């Protein structure tokens, strides 16, 4: 009898992750947004990178790679473009990174924490083409899309964060 109970418990444990994965997938989607690539990437191992504090110290990010950025006190960051967003955080953290786009497309920047995402290109701040957010997704919190031109380098500005470590990925958007 004990063996049967142990076998039933083992079957129950084996089934539980599948239900969680299904729930996770559903809780991390949004209407019109295919987040399958981001869900898969956020389940992978991240590369640790300290966020830059100025243009002279921009760590380059690769498209499709998950990073854990170590942010710094925001007052130590020299932003290229100052955000006009009102600060709601007492001791905000932030940082800078860069990336280069090979092909023209819509790109999605996805993070796991509530913070501001701004993107600066050769001609200044780039307005997002779309954005969405999640409160029930355990993998990520916010995703912002930008239409970007081929062969250009961009500066990713993160601000108004409270956690020091933020996971981020840049992916080609899928709809």
C-alpha atoms as a PDB file:
ATOM      1  CA  UNK A   1       0.000   0.000   0.000  1.00  0.00           C
ATOM      2  CA  UNK A   2       2.847   2.405   0.822  1.00  0.00           C
ATOM      3  CA  UNK A   3       4.364   1.746  -2.589  1.00  0.00           C
ATOM      4  CA  UNK A   4       1.114   2.606  -4.308  1.00  0.00           C
ATOM      5  CA  UNK A   5       0.820   5.843  -2.345  1.00  0.00           C
ATOM      6  CA  UNK A   6       4.452   6.682  -3.212  1.00  0.00           C
ATOM      7  CA  UNK A   7       3.793   5.982  -6.887  1.00  0.00           C
ATOM      8  CA  UNK A   8       0.678   8.162  -6.828  1.00  0.00           C
ATOM      9  CA  UNK A   9       2.638  10.955  -5.127  1.00  0.00           C
ATOM     10  CA  UNK A  10       5.403  10.658  -7.750  1.00  0.00           C
ATOM     11  CA  UNK A  11       2.846  10.840 -10.564  1.00  0.00           C
ATOM     12  CA  UNK A  12       1.279  13.895  -8.935  1.00  0.00           C
ATOM     13  CA  UNK A  13       4.672  15.588  -8.675  1.00  0.00           C
ATOM     14  CA  UNK A  14       5.487  14.810 -12.284  1.00  0.00           C
ATOM     15  CA  UNK A  15       2.186  16.276 -13.447  1.00  0.00           C
ATOM     16  CA  UNK A  16       2.482  19.474 -11.396  1.00  0.00           C
ATOM     17  CA  UNK A  17       5.261  21.139 -13.464  1.00  0.00           C
ATOM     18  CA  UNK A  18       3.304  20.645 -16.686  1.00  0.00           C
ATOM     19  CA  UNK A  19       0.323  22.489 -15.230  1.00  0.00           C
ATOM     20  CA  UNK A  20       2.645  25.242 -13.993  1.00  0.00           C
ATOM     21  CA  UNK A  21       4.282  25.542 -17.414  1.00  0.00           C
ATOM     22  CA  UNK A  22       0.852  25.810 -19.071  1.00  0.00           C
ATOM     23  CA  UNK A  23      -0.220  28.434 -16.546  1.00  0.00           C
ATOM     24  CA  UNK A  24       3.080  30.242 -17.007  1.00  0.00           C
ATOM     25  CA  UNK A  25       2.648  30.363 -20.781  1.00  0.00           C
ATOM     26  CA  UNK A  26      -0.883  31.713 -20.463  1.00  0.00           C
ATOM     27  CA  UNK A  27       0.033  34.287 -17.809  1.00  0.00           C
ATOM     28  CA  UNK A  28       2.958  35.586 -19.917  1.00  0.00           C
ATOM     29  CA  UNK A  29       1.027  36.197 -23.151  1.00  0.00           C
ATOM     30  CA  UNK A  30      -0.884  39.290 -24.220  1.00  0.00           C
ATOM     31  CA  UNK A  31      -3.454  39.756 -27.005  1.00  0.00           C
ATOM     32  CA  UNK A  32      -1.603  40.290 -30.289  1.00  0.00           C
ATOM     33  CA  UNK A  33       1.801  39.524 -28.740  1.00  0.00           C
ATOM     34  CA  UNK A  34       3.526  36.188 -29.347  1.00  0.00           C
ATOM     35  CA  UNK A  35       5.832  35.973 -26.332  1.00  0.00           C
ATOM     36  CA  UNK A  36       6.916  32.362 -26.993  1.00  0.00           C
ATOM     37  CA  UNK A  37      10.504  33.337 -27.784  1.00  0.00           C
ATOM     38  CA  UNK A  38      10.781  35.538 -24.691  1.00  0.00           C
ATOM     39  CA  UNK A  39       9.271  32.817 -22.468  1.00  0.00           C
ATOM     40  CA  UNK A  40      11.866  30.353 -23.741  1.00  0.00           C
ATOM     41  CA  UNK A  41      14.730  32.846 -23.398  1.00  0.00           C
ATOM     42  CA  UNK A  42      13.745  33.896 -19.861  1.00  0.00           C
ATOM     43  CA  UNK A  43      13.896  30.226 -18.821  1.00  0.00           C
ATOM     44  CA  UNK A  44      17.537  30.022 -20.008  1.00  0.00           C
ATOM     45  CA  UNK A  45      20.727  30.901 -18.157  1.00  0.00           C
ATOM     46  CA  UNK A  46      21.508  34.606 -18.190  1.00  0.00           C
ATOM     47  CA  UNK A  47      24.840  36.334 -18.705  1.00  0.00           C
ATOM     48  CA  UNK A  48      25.799  38.761 -15.908  1.00  0.00           C
ATOM     49  CA  UNK A  49      26.764  42.239 -17.119  1.00  0.00           C
ATOM     50  CA  UNK A  50      27.237  45.481 -15.191  1.00  0.00           C
ATOM     51  CA  UNK A  51      25.190  48.283 -16.754  1.00  0.00           C
ATOM     52  CA  UNK A  52      27.193  51.235 -17.978  1.00  0.00           C
ATOM     53  CA  UNK A  53      27.151  54.651 -16.367  1.00  0.00           C
ATOM     54  CA  UNK A  54      28.157  56.660 -19.433  1.00  0.00           C
ATOM     55  CA  UNK A  55      28.610  56.397 -23.190  1.00  0.00           C
ATOM     56  CA  UNK A  56      32.267  55.521 -22.577  1.00  0.00           C
ATOM     57  CA  UNK A  57      31.282  52.400 -20.613  1.00  0.00           C
ATOM     58  CA  UNK A  58      28.438  50.862 -22.642  1.00  0.00           C
ATOM     59  CA  UNK A  59      28.385  47.067 -22.445  1.00  0.00           C
ATOM     60  CA  UNK A  60      27.214  45.677 -25.806  1.00  0.00           C
ATOM     61  CA  UNK A  61      24.245  43.298 -25.750  1.00  0.00           C
ATOM     62  CA  UNK A  62      23.486  40.673 -28.388  1.00  0.00           C
ATOM     63  CA  UNK A  63      20.012  40.149 -29.821  1.00  0.00           C
ATOM     64  CA  UNK A  64      18.322  37.039 -28.390  1.00  0.00           C
ATOM     65  CA  UNK A  65      20.609  36.637 -25.350  1.00  0.00           C
ATOM     66  CA  UNK A  66      19.264  36.918 -21.795  1.00  0.00           C
ATOM     67  CA  UNK A  67      21.266  39.221 -19.529  1.00  0.00           C
ATOM     68  CA  UNK A  68      21.196  40.088 -15.845  1.00  0.00           C
ATOM     69  CA  UNK A  69      22.160  43.743 -15.709  1.00  0.00           C
ATOM     70  CA  UNK A  70      23.575  45.094 -12.466  1.00  0.00           C
ATOM     71  CA  UNK A  71      22.190  48.605 -12.202  1.00  0.00           C
ATOM     72  CA  UNK A  72      23.796  51.508 -10.369  1.00  0.00           C
ATOM     73  CA  UNK A  73      22.413  54.534  -8.509  1.00  0.00           C
ATOM     74  CA  UNK A  74      20.641  56.607 -11.124  1.00  0.00           C
ATOM     75  CA  UNK A  75      22.386  59.819 -10.063  1.00  0.00           C
ATOM     76  CA  UNK A  76      25.672  58.175 -11.195  1.00  0.00           C
ATOM     77  CA  UNK A  77      24.377  57.557 -14.739  1.00  0.00           C
ATOM     78  CA  UNK A  78      25.006  60.091 -17.522  1.00  0.00           C
ATOM     79  CA  UNK A  79      21.988  59.547 -19.774  1.00  0.00           C
ATOM     80  CA  UNK A  80      22.183  60.586 -23.426  1.00  0.00           C
ATOM     81  CA  UNK A  81      18.603  61.831 -23.345  1.00  0.00           C
ATOM     82  CA  UNK A  82      17.026  62.888 -20.075  1.00  0.00           C
ATOM     83  CA  UNK A  83      13.672  61.243 -19.454  1.00  0.00           C
ATOM     84  CA  UNK A  84      10.791  63.599 -18.742  1.00  0.00           C
ATOM     85  CA  UNK A  85       9.061  60.976 -16.608  1.00  0.00           C
ATOM     86  CA  UNK A  86       8.329  61.904 -13.008  1.00  0.00           C
ATOM     87  CA  UNK A  87      10.280  59.849 -10.490  1.00  0.00           C
ATOM     88  CA  UNK A  88       8.194  57.778  -8.106  1.00  0.00           C
ATOM     89  CA  UNK A  89      11.155  55.930  -6.588  1.00  0.00           C
ATOM     90  CA  UNK A  90      13.142  57.280  -3.616  1.00  0.00           C
ATOM     91  CA  UNK A  91      16.547  55.836  -4.570  1.00  0.00           C
ATOM     92  CA  UNK A  92      16.180  54.884  -8.241  1.00  0.00           C
ATOM     93  CA  UNK A  93      18.665  52.674 -10.046  1.00  0.00           C
ATOM     94  CA  UNK A  94      19.523  52.731 -13.727  1.00  0.00           C
ATOM     95  CA  UNK A  95      22.110  52.082 -16.371  1.00  0.00           C
ATOM     96  CA  UNK A  96      23.043  52.057 -20.020  1.00  0.00           C
ATOM     97  CA  UNK A  97      23.816  49.367 -22.590  1.00  0.00           C
ATOM     98  CA  UNK A  98      24.124  49.265 -26.349  1.00  0.00           C
ATOM     99  CA  UNK A  99      23.184  46.937 -29.166  1.00  0.00           C
ATOM    100  CA  UNK A 100      23.395  46.899 -32.954  1.00  0.00           C
ATOM    101  CA  UNK A 101      20.611  45.869 -35.305  1.00  0.00           C
ATOM    102  CA  UNK A 102      21.533  43.917 -38.427  1.00  0.00           C
ATOM    103  CA  UNK A 103      18.125  43.812 -40.132  1.00  0.00           C
ATOM    104  CA  UNK A 104      15.341  46.377 -40.142  1.00  0.00           C
ATOM    105  CA  UNK A 105      12.406  45.096 -38.081  1.00  0.00           C
ATOM    106  CA  UNK A 106      10.316  45.589 -34.971  1.00  0.00           C
ATOM    107  CA  UNK A 107      12.426  44.697 -31.941  1.00  0.00           C
ATOM    108  CA  UNK A 108      11.104  43.942 -28.478  1.00  0.00           C
ATOM    109  CA  UNK A 109      12.926  44.804 -25.236  1.00  0.00           C
ATOM    110  CA  UNK A 110      11.587  42.726 -22.349  1.00  0.00           C
ATOM    111  CA  UNK A 111      12.497  43.143 -18.675  1.00  0.00           C
ATOM    112  CA  UNK A 112      11.530  41.367 -15.460  1.00  0.00           C
ATOM    113  CA  UNK A 113      11.101  44.447 -13.255  1.00  0.00           C
ATOM    114  CA  UNK A 114       9.048  47.632 -13.227  1.00  0.00           C
ATOM    115  CA  UNK A 115      11.306  50.350 -14.655  1.00  0.00           C
ATOM    116  CA  UNK A 116      11.470  52.865 -17.481  1.00  0.00           C
ATOM    117  CA  UNK A 117      12.882  51.778 -20.843  1.00  0.00           C
ATOM    118  CA  UNK A 118      14.120  54.462 -23.230  1.00  0.00           C
ATOM    119  CA  UNK A 119      15.930  53.880 -26.504  1.00  0.00           C
ATOM    120  CA  UNK A 120      18.277  56.382 -28.138  1.00  0.00           C
ATOM    121  CA  UNK A 121      19.361  56.102 -31.769  1.00  0.00           C
ATOM    122  CA  UNK A 122      21.535  58.225 -34.043  1.00  0.00           C
ATOM    123  CA  UNK A 123      18.774  60.862 -34.310  1.00  0.00           C
ATOM    124  CA  UNK A 124      17.736  60.942 -30.638  1.00  0.00           C
ATOM    125  CA  UNK A 125      15.095  59.235 -28.529  1.00  0.00           C
ATOM    126  CA  UNK A 126      12.990  56.672 -30.374  1.00  0.00           C
ATOM    127  CA  UNK A 127       9.289  56.464 -29.588  1.00  0.00           C
ATOM    128  CA  UNK A 128       8.003  52.958 -28.898  1.00  0.00           C
ATOM    129  CA  UNK A 129       5.609  51.501 -31.453  1.00  0.00           C
ATOM    130  CA  UNK A 130       3.858  49.334 -28.810  1.00  0.00           C
ATOM    131  CA  UNK A 131       4.194  48.133 -25.219  1.00  0.00           C
ATOM    132  CA  UNK A 132       2.515  45.823 -22.764  1.00  0.00           C
ATOM    133  CA  UNK A 133       3.009  44.593 -19.229  1.00  0.00           C
ATOM    134  CA  UNK A 134       2.177  41.718 -16.887  1.00  0.00           C
ATOM    135  CA  UNK A 135       1.538  41.393 -13.179  1.00  0.00           C
ATOM    136  CA  UNK A 136       0.909  37.621 -13.082  1.00  0.00           C
ATOM    137  CA  UNK A 137       3.858  36.469 -15.215  1.00  0.00           C
ATOM    138  CA  UNK A 138       6.715  35.084 -13.107  1.00  0.00           C
ATOM    139  CA  UNK A 139       9.261  35.489 -15.929  1.00  0.00           C
ATOM    140  CA  UNK A 140       8.975  39.100 -17.031  1.00  0.00           C
ATOM    141  CA  UNK A 141       7.098  42.303 -16.263  1.00  0.00           C
ATOM    142  CA  UNK A 142       7.223  44.620 -19.265  1.00  0.00           C
ATOM    143  CA  UNK A 143       7.886  44.542 -22.999  1.00  0.00           C
ATOM    144  CA  UNK A 144       8.364  47.513 -25.325  1.00  0.00           C
ATOM    145  CA  UNK A 145       8.561  47.374 -29.138  1.00  0.00           C
ATOM    146  CA  UNK A 146      10.526  49.691 -31.379  1.00  0.00           C
ATOM    147  CA  UNK A 147      10.755  49.803 -35.177  1.00  0.00           C
ATOM    148  CA  UNK A 148      14.501  49.921 -35.856  1.00  0.00           C
ATOM    149  CA  UNK A 149      16.644  50.453 -38.931  1.00  0.00           C
ATOM    150  CA  UNK A 150      19.268  48.029 -40.223  1.00  0.00           C
ATOM    151  CA  UNK A 151      22.927  48.642 -39.472  1.00  0.00           C
ATOM    152  CA  UNK A 152      22.286  51.079 -36.622  1.00  0.00           C
ATOM    153  CA  UNK A 153      23.572  51.052 -33.060  1.00  0.00           C
ATOM    154  CA  UNK A 154      21.269  52.004 -30.209  1.00  0.00           C
ATOM    155  CA  UNK A 155      21.664  52.929 -26.548  1.00  0.00           C
ATOM    156  CA  UNK A 156      19.253  51.313 -24.121  1.00  0.00           C
ATOM    157  CA  UNK A 157      18.565  53.540 -21.118  1.00  0.00           C
ATOM    158  CA  UNK A 158      17.043  51.923 -18.023  1.00  0.00           C
ATOM    159  CA  UNK A 159      15.829  54.135 -15.186  1.00  0.00           C
ATOM    160  CA  UNK A 160      13.546  54.345 -12.155  1.00  0.00           C
ATOM    161  CA  UNK A 161      14.322  50.752 -11.130  1.00  0.00           C
ATOM    162  CA  UNK A 162      14.283  49.483  -7.567  1.00  0.00           C
ATOM    163  CA  UNK A 163      15.975  46.079  -7.882  1.00  0.00           C
ATOM    164  CA  UNK A 164      19.708  46.189  -8.535  1.00  0.00           C
ATOM    165  CA  UNK A 165      19.604  43.111 -10.776  1.00  0.00           C
ATOM    166  CA  UNK A 166      17.309  43.222 -13.813  1.00  0.00           C
ATOM    167  CA  UNK A 167      16.919  40.534 -16.456  1.00  0.00           C
ATOM    168  CA  UNK A 168      16.592  41.851 -20.011  1.00  0.00           C
ATOM    169  CA  UNK A 169      16.442  40.431 -23.525  1.00  0.00           C
ATOM    170  CA  UNK A 170      16.181  42.111 -26.923  1.00  0.00           C
ATOM    171  CA  UNK A 171      14.396  40.037 -29.580  1.00  0.00           C
ATOM    172  CA  UNK A 172      12.896  40.475 -33.022  1.00  0.00           C
ATOM    173  CA  UNK A 173       9.157  40.903 -32.356  1.00  0.00           C
ATOM    174  CA  UNK A 174       6.801  38.132 -33.377  1.00  0.00           C
ATOM    175  CA  UNK A 175       3.059  38.663 -33.766  1.00  0.00           C
END
